[in-house]
Full PDB file with SEQRES, HELIX, SHEET, SSBOND, CRYST1, ORIGX, SCALE, CONECT and MASTER records, all heavy atoms in Angstrom:
SEQRES   1 A   40  PRO PRO VAL VAL LYS LEU ARG VAL GLN HIS GLN ILE GLU          
SEQRES   2 A   40  LEU LYS ARG ALA ARG ASP GLN LEU THR ARG MET ALA VAL          
SEQRES   3 A   40  THR ASP GLY LEU THR GLY LEU ALA ASN ARG ARG GLN PHE          
SEQRES   4 A   40  GLU                                                          
HELIX    1 AA1 PRO A    2  ALA A   25  1                                  24    
HELIX    2 AA2 ARG A   36  PHE A   39  1                                   4    
CRYST1    1.000    1.000    1.000  90.00  90.00  90.00 P 1           1          
ORIGX1      1.000000  0.000000  0.000000        0.00000                         
ORIGX2      0.000000  1.000000  0.000000        0.00000                         
ORIGX3      0.000000  0.000000  1.000000        0.00000                         
SCALE1      1.000000  0.000000  0.000000        0.00000                         
SCALE2      0.000000  1.000000  0.000000        0.00000                         
SCALE3      0.000000  0.000000  1.000000        0.00000                         
ATOM      1  N   PRO A   1     -14.615  -4.187  -8.360  1.00  0.00           N  
ATOM      2  CA  PRO A   1     -13.313  -4.852  -8.265  1.00  0.00           C  
ATOM      3  C   PRO A   1     -12.100  -3.998  -8.580  1.00  0.00           C  
ATOM      4  O   PRO A   1     -11.144  -3.973  -7.800  1.00  0.00           O  
ATOM      5  CB  PRO A   1     -13.423  -6.062  -9.204  1.00  0.00           C  
ATOM      6  CG  PRO A   1     -14.887  -6.388  -9.159  1.00  0.00           C  
ATOM      7  CD  PRO A   1     -15.575  -5.017  -9.125  1.00  0.00           C  
ATOM      8  N   PRO A   2     -12.061  -3.254  -9.711  1.00  0.00           N  
ATOM      9  CA  PRO A   2     -10.845  -2.448  -9.970  1.00  0.00           C  
ATOM     10  C   PRO A   2     -10.615  -1.392  -8.905  1.00  0.00           C  
ATOM     11  O   PRO A   2      -9.459  -1.119  -8.541  1.00  0.00           O  
ATOM     12  CB  PRO A   2     -11.152  -1.788 -11.325  1.00  0.00           C  
ATOM     13  CG  PRO A   2     -12.184  -2.701 -11.972  1.00  0.00           C  
ATOM     14  CD  PRO A   2     -13.003  -3.183 -10.813  1.00  0.00           C  
ATOM     15  N   VAL A   3     -11.668  -0.799  -8.379  1.00  0.00           N  
ATOM     16  CA  VAL A   3     -11.503   0.246  -7.341  1.00  0.00           C  
ATOM     17  C   VAL A   3     -10.950  -0.314  -6.051  1.00  0.00           C  
ATOM     18  O   VAL A   3      -9.990   0.179  -5.475  1.00  0.00           O  
ATOM     19  CB  VAL A   3     -12.843   0.982  -7.117  1.00  0.00           C  
ATOM     20  CG1 VAL A   3     -12.736   1.905  -5.915  1.00  0.00           C  
ATOM     21  CG2 VAL A   3     -13.193   1.783  -8.378  1.00  0.00           C  
ATOM     22  N   VAL A   4     -11.570  -1.404  -5.588  1.00  0.00           N  
ATOM     23  CA  VAL A   4     -11.150  -1.984  -4.299  1.00  0.00           C  
ATOM     24  C   VAL A   4      -9.738  -2.545  -4.430  1.00  0.00           C  
ATOM     25  O   VAL A   4      -8.925  -2.469  -3.499  1.00  0.00           O  
ATOM     26  CB  VAL A   4     -12.163  -3.046  -3.797  1.00  0.00           C  
ATOM     27  CG1 VAL A   4     -12.048  -4.347  -4.611  1.00  0.00           C  
ATOM     28  CG2 VAL A   4     -11.901  -3.372  -2.324  1.00  0.00           C  
ATOM     29  N   LYS A   5      -9.383  -3.062  -5.592  1.00  0.00           N  
ATOM     30  CA  LYS A   5      -8.041  -3.613  -5.809  1.00  0.00           C  
ATOM     31  C   LYS A   5      -6.995  -2.496  -5.698  1.00  0.00           C  
ATOM     32  O   LYS A   5      -5.959  -2.666  -5.081  1.00  0.00           O  
ATOM     33  CB  LYS A   5      -7.975  -4.267  -7.182  1.00  0.00           C  
ATOM     34  CG  LYS A   5      -6.715  -5.066  -7.419  1.00  0.00           C  
ATOM     35  CD  LYS A   5      -6.796  -5.850  -8.712  1.00  0.00           C  
ATOM     36  CE  LYS A   5      -5.596  -6.724  -8.936  1.00  0.00           C  
ATOM     37  NZ  LYS A   5      -5.696  -7.535 -10.175  1.00  0.00           N  
ATOM     38  N   LEU A   6      -7.292  -1.350  -6.326  1.00  0.00           N  
ATOM     39  CA  LEU A   6      -6.352  -0.239  -6.266  1.00  0.00           C  
ATOM     40  C   LEU A   6      -6.209   0.316  -4.845  1.00  0.00           C  
ATOM     41  O   LEU A   6      -5.107   0.668  -4.401  1.00  0.00           O  
ATOM     42  CB  LEU A   6      -6.818   0.886  -7.227  1.00  0.00           C  
ATOM     43  CG  LEU A   6      -6.584   0.607  -8.712  1.00  0.00           C  
ATOM     44  CD1 LEU A   6      -7.295   1.666  -9.549  1.00  0.00           C  
ATOM     45  CD2 LEU A   6      -5.115   0.556  -9.058  1.00  0.00           C  
ATOM     46  N   ARG A   7      -7.337   0.406  -4.157  1.00  0.00           N  
ATOM     47  CA  ARG A   7      -7.310   0.919  -2.796  1.00  0.00           C  
ATOM     48  C   ARG A   7      -6.526   0.037  -1.833  1.00  0.00           C  
ATOM     49  O   ARG A   7      -5.717   0.494  -1.014  1.00  0.00           O  
ATOM     50  CB  ARG A   7      -8.730   1.179  -2.270  1.00  0.00           C  
ATOM     51  CG  ARG A   7      -9.419   2.309  -2.971  1.00  0.00           C  
ATOM     52  CD  ARG A   7     -10.766   2.624  -2.363  1.00  0.00           C  
ATOM     53  NE  ARG A   7     -11.333   3.811  -2.907  1.00  0.00           N  
ATOM     54  CZ  ARG A   7     -12.471   4.404  -2.520  1.00  0.00           C  
ATOM     55  NH1 ARG A   7     -13.167   3.812  -1.539  1.00  0.00           N  
ATOM     56  NH2 ARG A   7     -12.914   5.479  -3.044  1.00  0.00           N  
ATOM     57  N   VAL A   8      -6.730  -1.261  -2.002  1.00  0.00           N  
ATOM     58  CA  VAL A   8      -6.010  -2.222  -1.159  1.00  0.00           C  
ATOM     59  C   VAL A   8      -4.492  -2.197  -1.480  1.00  0.00           C  
ATOM     60  O   VAL A   8      -3.650  -2.186  -0.584  1.00  0.00           O  
ATOM     61  CB  VAL A   8      -6.553  -3.640  -1.343  1.00  0.00           C  
ATOM     62  CG1 VAL A   8      -5.631  -4.681  -0.703  1.00  0.00           C  
ATOM     63  CG2 VAL A   8      -7.936  -3.740  -0.696  1.00  0.00           C  
ATOM     64  N   GLN A   9      -4.162  -2.142  -2.770  1.00  0.00           N  
ATOM     65  CA  GLN A   9      -2.754  -2.116  -3.169  1.00  0.00           C  
ATOM     66  C   GLN A   9      -2.053  -0.865  -2.628  1.00  0.00           C  
ATOM     67  O   GLN A   9      -0.902  -0.919  -2.182  1.00  0.00           O  
ATOM     68  CB  GLN A   9      -2.606  -2.154  -4.693  1.00  0.00           C  
ATOM     69  CG  GLN A   9      -1.186  -2.323  -5.188  1.00  0.00           C  
ATOM     70  CD  GLN A   9      -0.532  -3.623  -4.665  1.00  0.00           C  
ATOM     71  OE1 GLN A   9      -1.136  -4.652  -4.581  1.00  0.00           O  
ATOM     72  NE2 GLN A   9       0.751  -3.494  -4.295  1.00  0.00           N  
ATOM     73  N   HIS A  10      -2.781   0.228  -2.634  1.00  0.00           N  
ATOM     74  CA  HIS A  10      -2.247   1.490  -2.107  1.00  0.00           C  
ATOM     75  C   HIS A  10      -1.910   1.341  -0.633  1.00  0.00           C  
ATOM     76  O   HIS A  10      -0.817   1.760  -0.165  1.00  0.00           O  
ATOM     77  CB  HIS A  10      -3.253   2.609  -2.322  1.00  0.00           C  
ATOM     78  CG  HIS A  10      -2.816   3.929  -1.741  1.00  0.00           C  
ATOM     79  ND1 HIS A  10      -1.708   4.591  -2.216  1.00  0.00           N  
ATOM     80  CD2 HIS A  10      -3.340   4.697  -0.757  1.00  0.00           C  
ATOM     81  CE1 HIS A  10      -1.569   5.720  -1.509  1.00  0.00           C  
ATOM     82  NE2 HIS A  10      -2.547   5.769  -0.608  1.00  0.00           N  
ATOM     83  N   GLN A  11      -2.792   0.716   0.144  1.00  0.00           N  
ATOM     84  CA  GLN A  11      -2.533   0.516   1.550  1.00  0.00           C  
ATOM     85  C   GLN A  11      -1.401  -0.461   1.824  1.00  0.00           C  
ATOM     86  O   GLN A  11      -0.642  -0.292   2.797  1.00  0.00           O  
ATOM     87  CB  GLN A  11      -3.812   0.091   2.274  1.00  0.00           C  
ATOM     88  CG  GLN A  11      -4.927   1.111   2.276  1.00  0.00           C  
ATOM     89  CD  GLN A  11      -4.492   2.423   2.922  1.00  0.00           C  
ATOM     90  OE1 GLN A  11      -3.678   2.437   3.840  1.00  0.00           O  
ATOM     91  NE2 GLN A  11      -5.062   3.501   2.425  1.00  0.00           N  
ATOM     92  N   ILE A  12      -1.299  -1.469   0.994  1.00  0.00           N  
ATOM     93  CA  ILE A  12      -0.187  -2.433   1.131  1.00  0.00           C  
ATOM     94  C   ILE A  12       1.157  -1.718   0.939  1.00  0.00           C  
ATOM     95  O   ILE A  12       2.071  -1.898   1.709  1.00  0.00           O  
ATOM     96  CB  ILE A  12      -0.330  -3.575   0.111  1.00  0.00           C  
ATOM     97  CG1 ILE A  12      -1.504  -4.500   0.509  1.00  0.00           C  
ATOM     98  CG2 ILE A  12       0.955  -4.409   0.023  1.00  0.00           C  
ATOM     99  CD1 ILE A  12      -1.865  -5.500  -0.561  1.00  0.00           C  
ATOM    100  N   GLU A  13       1.229  -0.892  -0.092  1.00  0.00           N  
ATOM    101  CA  GLU A  13       2.475  -0.176  -0.348  1.00  0.00           C  
ATOM    102  C   GLU A  13       2.805   0.797   0.785  1.00  0.00           C  
ATOM    103  O   GLU A  13       3.982   0.927   1.148  1.00  0.00           O  
ATOM    104  CB  GLU A  13       2.363   0.557  -1.680  1.00  0.00           C  
ATOM    105  CG  GLU A  13       2.338  -0.395  -2.894  1.00  0.00           C  
ATOM    106  CD  GLU A  13       1.974   0.334  -4.201  1.00  0.00           C  
ATOM    107  OE1 GLU A  13       1.751   1.559  -4.162  1.00  0.00           O  
ATOM    108  OE2 GLU A  13       1.887  -0.366  -5.220  1.00  0.00           O  
ATOM    109  N   LEU A  14       1.794   1.494   1.306  1.00  0.00           N  
ATOM    110  CA  LEU A  14       2.026   2.417   2.403  1.00  0.00           C  
ATOM    111  C   LEU A  14       2.521   1.662   3.648  1.00  0.00           C  
ATOM    112  O   LEU A  14       3.431   2.096   4.333  1.00  0.00           O  
ATOM    113  CB  LEU A  14       0.757   3.187   2.756  1.00  0.00           C  
ATOM    114  CG  LEU A  14       0.321   4.305   1.776  1.00  0.00           C  
ATOM    115  CD1 LEU A  14      -0.984   4.875   2.198  1.00  0.00           C  
ATOM    116  CD2 LEU A  14       1.417   5.414   1.721  1.00  0.00           C  
ATOM    117  N   LYS A  15       1.903   0.512   3.913  1.00  0.00           N  
ATOM    118  CA  LYS A  15       2.305  -0.273   5.085  1.00  0.00           C  
ATOM    119  C   LYS A  15       3.715  -0.774   4.949  1.00  0.00           C  
ATOM    120  O   LYS A  15       4.495  -0.761   5.911  1.00  0.00           O  
ATOM    121  CB  LYS A  15       1.343  -1.431   5.334  1.00  0.00           C  
ATOM    122  CG  LYS A  15       1.699  -2.216   6.615  1.00  0.00           C  
ATOM    123  CD  LYS A  15       0.679  -3.284   6.890  1.00  0.00           C  
ATOM    124  CE  LYS A  15       0.982  -3.925   8.251  1.00  0.00           C  
ATOM    125  NZ  LYS A  15       2.260  -4.664   8.280  1.00  0.00           N  
ATOM    126  N   ARG A  16       4.070  -1.247   3.761  1.00  0.00           N  
ATOM    127  CA  ARG A  16       5.445  -1.739   3.590  1.00  0.00           C  
ATOM    128  C   ARG A  16       6.453  -0.614   3.753  1.00  0.00           C  
ATOM    129  O   ARG A  16       7.546  -0.857   4.310  1.00  0.00           O  
ATOM    130  CB  ARG A  16       5.548  -2.382   2.169  1.00  0.00           C  
ATOM    131  CG  ARG A  16       4.896  -3.755   2.105  1.00  0.00           C  
ATOM    132  CD  ARG A  16       4.972  -4.350   0.730  1.00  0.00           C  
ATOM    133  NE  ARG A  16       4.549  -5.735   0.755  1.00  0.00           N  
ATOM    134  CZ  ARG A  16       4.273  -6.436  -0.329  1.00  0.00           C  
ATOM    135  NH1 ARG A  16       4.394  -5.877  -1.548  1.00  0.00           N  
ATOM    136  NH2 ARG A  16       3.908  -7.685  -0.255  1.00  0.00           N  
ATOM    137  N   ALA A  17       6.140   0.566   3.325  1.00  0.00           N  
ATOM    138  CA  ALA A  17       7.040   1.718   3.513  1.00  0.00           C  
ATOM    139  C   ALA A  17       7.179   2.047   4.999  1.00  0.00           C  
ATOM    140  O   ALA A  17       8.301   2.295   5.489  1.00  0.00           O  
ATOM    141  CB  ALA A  17       6.538   2.892   2.717  1.00  0.00           C  
ATOM    142  N   ARG A  18       6.036   2.014   5.712  1.00  0.00           N  
ATOM    143  CA  ARG A  18       6.096   2.280   7.147  1.00  0.00           C  
ATOM    144  C   ARG A  18       6.864   1.204   7.880  1.00  0.00           C  
ATOM    145  O   ARG A  18       7.663   1.486   8.799  1.00  0.00           O  
ATOM    146  CB  ARG A  18       4.694   2.394   7.734  1.00  0.00           C  
ATOM    147  CG  ARG A  18       3.911   3.654   7.323  1.00  0.00           C  
ATOM    148  CD  ARG A  18       2.702   3.838   8.207  1.00  0.00           C  
ATOM    149  NE  ARG A  18       1.790   2.719   8.107  1.00  0.00           N  
ATOM    150  CZ  ARG A  18       0.763   2.646   7.261  1.00  0.00           C  
ATOM    151  NH1 ARG A  18       0.582   3.645   6.387  1.00  0.00           N  
ATOM    152  NH2 ARG A  18      -0.039   1.601   7.226  1.00  0.00           N  
ATOM    153  N   ASP A  19       6.643  -0.023   7.495  1.00  0.00           N  
ATOM    154  CA  ASP A  19       7.337  -1.170   8.148  1.00  0.00           C  
ATOM    155  C   ASP A  19       8.859  -1.056   7.942  1.00  0.00           C  
ATOM    156  O   ASP A  19       9.640  -1.345   8.883  1.00  0.00           O  
ATOM    157  CB  ASP A  19       6.843  -2.501   7.602  1.00  0.00           C  
ATOM    158  CG  ASP A  19       5.425  -2.821   8.077  1.00  0.00           C  
ATOM    159  OD1 ASP A  19       4.925  -2.100   8.984  1.00  0.00           O  
ATOM    160  OD2 ASP A  19       4.831  -3.768   7.532  1.00  0.00           O  
ATOM    161  N   GLN A  20       9.247  -0.643   6.758  1.00  0.00           N  
ATOM    162  CA  GLN A  20      10.676  -0.497   6.448  1.00  0.00           C  
ATOM    163  C   GLN A  20      11.278   0.613   7.306  1.00  0.00           C  
ATOM    164  O   GLN A  20      12.393   0.447   7.881  1.00  0.00           O  
ATOM    165  CB  GLN A  20      10.880  -0.176   4.996  1.00  0.00           C  
ATOM    166  CG  GLN A  20      12.326   0.066   4.583  1.00  0.00           C  
ATOM    167  CD  GLN A  20      13.212  -1.179   4.773  1.00  0.00           C  
ATOM    168  OE1 GLN A  20      12.735  -2.300   4.897  1.00  0.00           O  
ATOM    169  NE2 GLN A  20      14.531  -0.987   4.792  1.00  0.00           N  
ATOM    170  N   LEU A  21      10.605   1.704   7.481  1.00  0.00           N  
ATOM    171  CA  LEU A  21      11.082   2.812   8.320  1.00  0.00           C  
ATOM    172  C   LEU A  21      11.159   2.350   9.786  1.00  0.00           C  
ATOM    173  O   LEU A  21      12.097   2.666  10.488  1.00  0.00           O  
ATOM    174  CB  LEU A  21      10.159   4.025   8.197  1.00  0.00           C  
ATOM    175  CG  LEU A  21      10.188   4.772   6.880  1.00  0.00           C  
ATOM    176  CD1 LEU A  21       9.147   5.849   6.827  1.00  0.00           C  
ATOM    177  CD2 LEU A  21      11.606   5.412   6.676  1.00  0.00           C  
ATOM    178  N   THR A  22      10.151   1.577  10.223  1.00  0.00           N  
ATOM    179  CA  THR A  22      10.173   1.076  11.597  1.00  0.00           C  
ATOM    180  C   THR A  22      11.308   0.144  11.815  1.00  0.00           C  
ATOM    181  O   THR A  22      12.022   0.215  12.820  1.00  0.00           O  
ATOM    182  CB  THR A  22       8.842   0.294  11.866  1.00  0.00           C  
ATOM    183  OG1 THR A  22       7.735   1.200  11.732  1.00  0.00           O  
ATOM    184  CG2 THR A  22       8.841  -0.268  13.293  1.00  0.00           C  
ATOM    185  N   ARG A  23      11.575  -0.761  10.856  1.00  0.00           N  
ATOM    186  CA  ARG A  23      12.728  -1.665  10.993  1.00  0.00           C  
ATOM    187  C   ARG A  23      14.064  -0.905  11.048  1.00  0.00           C  
ATOM    188  O   ARG A  23      14.943  -1.250  11.855  1.00  0.00           O  
ATOM    189  CB  ARG A  23      12.739  -2.658   9.797  1.00  0.00           C  
ATOM    190  CG  ARG A  23      11.763  -3.809   9.911  1.00  0.00           C  
ATOM    191  CD  ARG A  23      12.067  -4.861   8.864  1.00  0.00           C  
ATOM    192  NE  ARG A  23      11.791  -4.416   7.517  1.00  0.00           N  
ATOM    193  CZ  ARG A  23      10.647  -4.480   6.890  1.00  0.00           C  
ATOM    194  NH1 ARG A  23       9.611  -4.971   7.531  1.00  0.00           N  
ATOM    195  NH2 ARG A  23      10.523  -4.024   5.664  1.00  0.00           N  
ATOM    196  N   MET A  24      14.188   0.126  10.262  1.00  0.00           N  
ATOM    197  CA  MET A  24      15.401   0.925  10.277  1.00  0.00           C  
ATOM    198  C   MET A  24      15.576   1.627  11.630  1.00  0.00           C  
ATOM    199  O   MET A  24      16.696   1.774  12.111  1.00  0.00           O  
ATOM    200  CB  MET A  24      15.390   1.958   9.134  1.00  0.00           C  
ATOM    201  CG  MET A  24      15.487   1.343   7.763  1.00  0.00           C  
ATOM    202  SD  MET A  24      15.216   2.575   6.437  1.00  0.00           S  
ATOM    203  CE  MET A  24      16.561   3.662   6.713  1.00  0.00           C  
ATOM    204  N   ALA A  25      14.442   2.055  12.205  1.00  0.00           N  
ATOM    205  CA  ALA A  25      14.507   2.780  13.489  1.00  0.00           C  
ATOM    206  C   ALA A  25      14.892   1.874  14.652  1.00  0.00           C  
ATOM    207  O   ALA A  25      15.367   2.396  15.663  1.00  0.00           O  
ATOM    208  CB  ALA A  25      13.175   3.459  13.765  1.00  0.00           C  
ATOM    209  N   VAL A  26      14.650   0.605  14.533  1.00  0.00           N  
ATOM    210  CA  VAL A  26      14.913  -0.303  15.673  1.00  0.00           C  
ATOM    211  C   VAL A  26      15.978  -1.343  15.387  1.00  0.00           C  
ATOM    212  O   VAL A  26      16.166  -2.293  16.108  1.00  0.00           O  
ATOM    213  CB  VAL A  26      13.602  -1.031  16.106  1.00  0.00           C  
ATOM    214  CG1 VAL A  26      12.558  -0.010  16.564  1.00  0.00           C  
ATOM    215  CG2 VAL A  26      13.025  -1.888  14.979  1.00  0.00           C  
ATOM    216  N   THR A  27      16.756  -1.131  14.293  1.00  0.00           N  
ATOM    217  CA  THR A  27      17.819  -2.077  13.947  1.00  0.00           C  
ATOM    218  C   THR A  27      19.189  -1.421  14.027  1.00  0.00           C  
ATOM    219  O   THR A  27      19.375  -0.248  13.599  1.00  0.00           O  
ATOM    220  CB  THR A  27      17.589  -2.560  12.480  1.00  0.00           C  
ATOM    221  OG1 THR A  27      16.323  -3.203  12.399  1.00  0.00           O  
ATOM    222  CG2 THR A  27      18.654  -3.590  12.110  1.00  0.00           C  
ATOM    223  N   ASP A  28      20.158  -2.121  14.595  1.00  0.00           N  
ATOM    224  CA  ASP A  28      21.504  -1.634  14.660  1.00  0.00           C  
ATOM    225  C   ASP A  28      22.128  -1.688  13.260  1.00  0.00           C  
ATOM    226  O   ASP A  28      22.143  -2.793  12.650  1.00  0.00           O  
ATOM    227  CB  ASP A  28      22.294  -2.474  15.647  1.00  0.00           C  
ATOM    228  CG  ASP A  28      23.735  -2.062  15.680  1.00  0.00           C  
ATOM    229  OD1 ASP A  28      24.020  -0.915  15.999  1.00  0.00           O  
ATOM    230  OD2 ASP A  28      24.607  -2.923  15.352  1.00  0.00           O  
ATOM    231  N   GLY A  29      22.613  -0.586  12.747  1.00  0.00           N  
ATOM    232  CA  GLY A  29      23.105  -0.535  11.401  1.00  0.00           C  
ATOM    233  C   GLY A  29      24.299  -1.388  11.103  1.00  0.00           C  
ATOM    234  O   GLY A  29      24.497  -1.865  10.005  1.00  0.00           O  
ATOM    235  N   LEU A  30      25.159  -1.594  12.105  1.00  0.00           N  
ATOM    236  CA  LEU A  30      26.389  -2.343  11.896  1.00  0.00           C  
ATOM    237  C   LEU A  30      26.146  -3.865  11.911  1.00  0.00           C  
ATOM    238  O   LEU A  30      26.610  -4.603  11.071  1.00  0.00           O  
ATOM    239  CB  LEU A  30      27.421  -2.017  13.006  1.00  0.00           C  
ATOM    240  CG  LEU A  30      28.718  -2.793  12.918  1.00  0.00           C  
ATOM    241  CD1 LEU A  30      29.507  -2.473  11.635  1.00  0.00           C  
ATOM    242  CD2 LEU A  30      29.578  -2.501  14.141  1.00  0.00           C  
ATOM    243  N   THR A  31      25.379  -4.350  12.922  1.00  0.00           N  
ATOM    244  CA  THR A  31      25.244  -5.782  13.096  1.00  0.00           C  
ATOM    245  C   THR A  31      23.968  -6.392  12.549  1.00  0.00           C  
ATOM    246  O   THR A  31      23.877  -7.618  12.350  1.00  0.00           O  
ATOM    247  CB  THR A  31      25.313  -6.101  14.592  1.00  0.00           C  
ATOM    248  OG1 THR A  31      24.141  -5.532  15.259  1.00  0.00           O  
ATOM    249  CG2 THR A  31      26.570  -5.600  15.218  1.00  0.00           C  
ATOM    250  N   GLY A  32      22.992  -5.545  12.294  1.00  0.00           N  
ATOM    251  CA  GLY A  32      21.676  -6.057  11.835  1.00  0.00           C  
ATOM    252  C   GLY A  32      20.784  -6.592  12.929  1.00  0.00           C  
ATOM    253  O   GLY A  32      19.656  -7.004  12.685  1.00  0.00           O  
ATOM    254  N   LEU A  33      21.273  -6.609  14.192  1.00  0.00           N  
ATOM    255  CA  LEU A  33      20.463  -7.040  15.320  1.00  0.00           C  
ATOM    256  C   LEU A  33      19.547  -5.905  15.729  1.00  0.00           C  
ATOM    257  O   LEU A  33      19.652  -4.767  15.242  1.00  0.00           O  
ATOM    258  CB  LEU A  33      21.358  -7.402  16.500  1.00  0.00           C  
ATOM    259  CG  LEU A  33      22.253  -8.617  16.350  1.00  0.00           C  
ATOM    260  CD1 LEU A  33      23.028  -8.843  17.648  1.00  0.00           C  
ATOM    261  CD2 LEU A  33      21.501  -9.891  15.975  1.00  0.00           C  
ATOM    262  N   ALA A  34      18.663  -6.175  16.646  1.00  0.00           N  
ATOM    263  CA  ALA A  34      17.821  -5.119  17.248  1.00  0.00           C  
ATOM    264  C   ALA A  34      18.765  -4.114  17.934  1.00  0.00           C  
ATOM    265  O   ALA A  34      19.831  -4.497  18.406  1.00  0.00           O  
ATOM    266  CB  ALA A  34      16.847  -5.700  18.217  1.00  0.00           C  
ATOM    267  N   ASN A  35      18.305  -2.839  18.019  1.00  0.00           N  
ATOM    268  CA  ASN A  35      19.118  -1.874  18.759  1.00  0.00           C  
ATOM    269  C   ASN A  35      18.624  -1.719  20.149  1.00  0.00           C  
ATOM    270  O   ASN A  35      17.691  -2.397  20.624  1.00  0.00           O  
ATOM    271  CB  ASN A  35      19.144  -0.550  17.968  1.00  0.00           C  
ATOM    272  CG  ASN A  35      17.781   0.107  17.799  1.00  0.00           C  
ATOM    273  OD1 ASN A  35      16.807  -0.288  18.469  1.00  0.00           O  
ATOM    274  ND2 ASN A  35      17.685   1.079  16.971  1.00  0.00           N  
ATOM    275  N   ARG A  36      19.222  -0.787  20.884  1.00  0.00           N  
ATOM    276  CA  ARG A  36      18.861  -0.595  22.305  1.00  0.00           C  
ATOM    277  C   ARG A  36      17.410  -0.195  22.473  1.00  0.00           C  
ATOM    278  O   ARG A  36      16.733  -0.670  23.392  1.00  0.00           O  
ATOM    279  CB  ARG A  36      19.786   0.497  22.898  1.00  0.00           C  
ATOM    280  CG  ARG A  36      19.519   0.861  24.364  1.00  0.00           C  
ATOM    281  CD  ARG A  36      20.046  -0.173  25.289  1.00  0.00           C  
ATOM    282  NE  ARG A  36      19.983   0.285  26.657  1.00  0.00           N  
ATOM    283  CZ  ARG A  36      21.022   0.852  27.322  1.00  0.00           C  
ATOM    284  NH1 ARG A  36      22.198   0.966  26.731  1.00  0.00           N  
ATOM    285  NH2 ARG A  36      20.904   1.206  28.564  1.00  0.00           N  
ATOM    286  N   ARG A  37      16.929   0.609  21.575  1.00  0.00           N  
ATOM    287  CA  ARG A  37      15.531   1.050  21.649  1.00  0.00           C  
ATOM    288  C   ARG A  37      14.581  -0.142  21.502  1.00  0.00           C  
ATOM    289  O   ARG A  37      13.605  -0.299  22.263  1.00  0.00           O  
ATOM    290  CB  ARG A  37      15.229   2.076  20.528  1.00  0.00           C  
ATOM    291  CG  ARG A  37      13.766   2.477  20.409  1.00  0.00           C  
ATOM    292  CD  ARG A  37      13.573   3.370  19.230  1.00  0.00           C  
ATOM    293  NE  ARG A  37      12.150   3.534  18.911  1.00  0.00           N  
ATOM    294  CZ  ARG A  37      11.675   4.206  17.842  1.00  0.00           C  
ATOM    295  NH1 ARG A  37      12.568   4.756  17.000  1.00  0.00           N  
ATOM    296  NH2 ARG A  37      10.422   4.327  17.619  1.00  0.00           N  
ATOM    297  N   GLN A  38      14.850  -1.001  20.551  1.00  0.00           N  
ATOM    298  CA  GLN A  38      14.010  -2.177  20.342  1.00  0.00           C  
ATOM    299  C   GLN A  38      14.091  -3.137  21.540  1.00  0.00           C  
ATOM    300  O   GLN A  38      13.110  -3.737  21.938  1.00  0.00           O  
ATOM    301  CB  GLN A  38      14.381  -2.923  19.064  1.00  0.00           C  
ATOM    302  CG  GLN A  38      13.630  -4.209  18.800  1.00  0.00           C  
ATOM    303  CD  GLN A  38      12.181  -3.979  18.400  1.00  0.00           C  
ATOM    304  OE1 GLN A  38      11.643  -2.896  18.590  1.00  0.00           O  
ATOM    305  NE2 GLN A  38      11.544  -5.000  17.874  1.00  0.00           N  
ATOM    306  N   PHE A  39      15.282  -3.260  22.095  1.00  0.00           N  
ATOM    307  CA  PHE A  39      15.480  -4.088  23.288  1.00  0.00           C  
ATOM    308  C   PHE A  39      14.580  -3.590  24.415  1.00  0.00           C  
ATOM    309  O   PHE A  39      13.864  -4.368  25.042  1.00  0.00           O  
ATOM    310  CB  PHE A  39      16.940  -4.070  23.737  1.00  0.00           C  
ATOM    311  CG  PHE A  39      17.164  -4.777  25.015  1.00  0.00           C  
ATOM    312  CD1 PHE A  39      17.364  -6.134  25.112  1.00  0.00           C  
ATOM    313  CD2 PHE A  39      17.180  -4.034  26.224  1.00  0.00           C  
ATOM    314  CE1 PHE A  39      17.581  -6.775  26.298  1.00  0.00           C  
ATOM    315  CE2 PHE A  39      17.389  -4.657  27.437  1.00  0.00           C  
ATOM    316  CZ  PHE A  39      17.597  -6.036  27.487  1.00  0.00           C  
ATOM    317  N   GLU A  40      14.597  -2.291  24.671  1.00  0.00           N  
ATOM    318  CA  GLU A  40      13.816  -1.761  25.770  1.00  0.00           C  
ATOM    319  C   GLU A  40      12.329  -1.888  25.550  1.00  0.00           C  
ATOM    320  O   GLU A  40      11.566  -2.175  26.475  1.00  0.00           O  
ATOM    321  CB  GLU A  40      14.247  -0.312  26.026  1.00  0.00           C  
ATOM    322  CG  GLU A  40      15.693  -0.199  26.562  1.00  0.00           C  
ATOM    323  CD  GLU A  40      16.181   1.231  26.642  1.00  0.00           C  
ATOM    324  OE1 GLU A  40      15.500   2.131  26.091  1.00  0.00           O  
ATOM    325  OE2 GLU A  40      17.250   1.445  27.260  1.00  0.00           O  
TER     326      GLU A  40                                                      
MASTER        0    0    0    2    0    0    0    6  325    1    0    4          
END                                                                             
């Protein structure tokens, strides 16, 4: 249990960091809407 818990938590944190970067890459900084890239 302690090992699998740590491994899962590590992947959750990595995914959240990737998701945040993805959101930043596809979001218009001024309006908060999707940007042209996300639209396409």
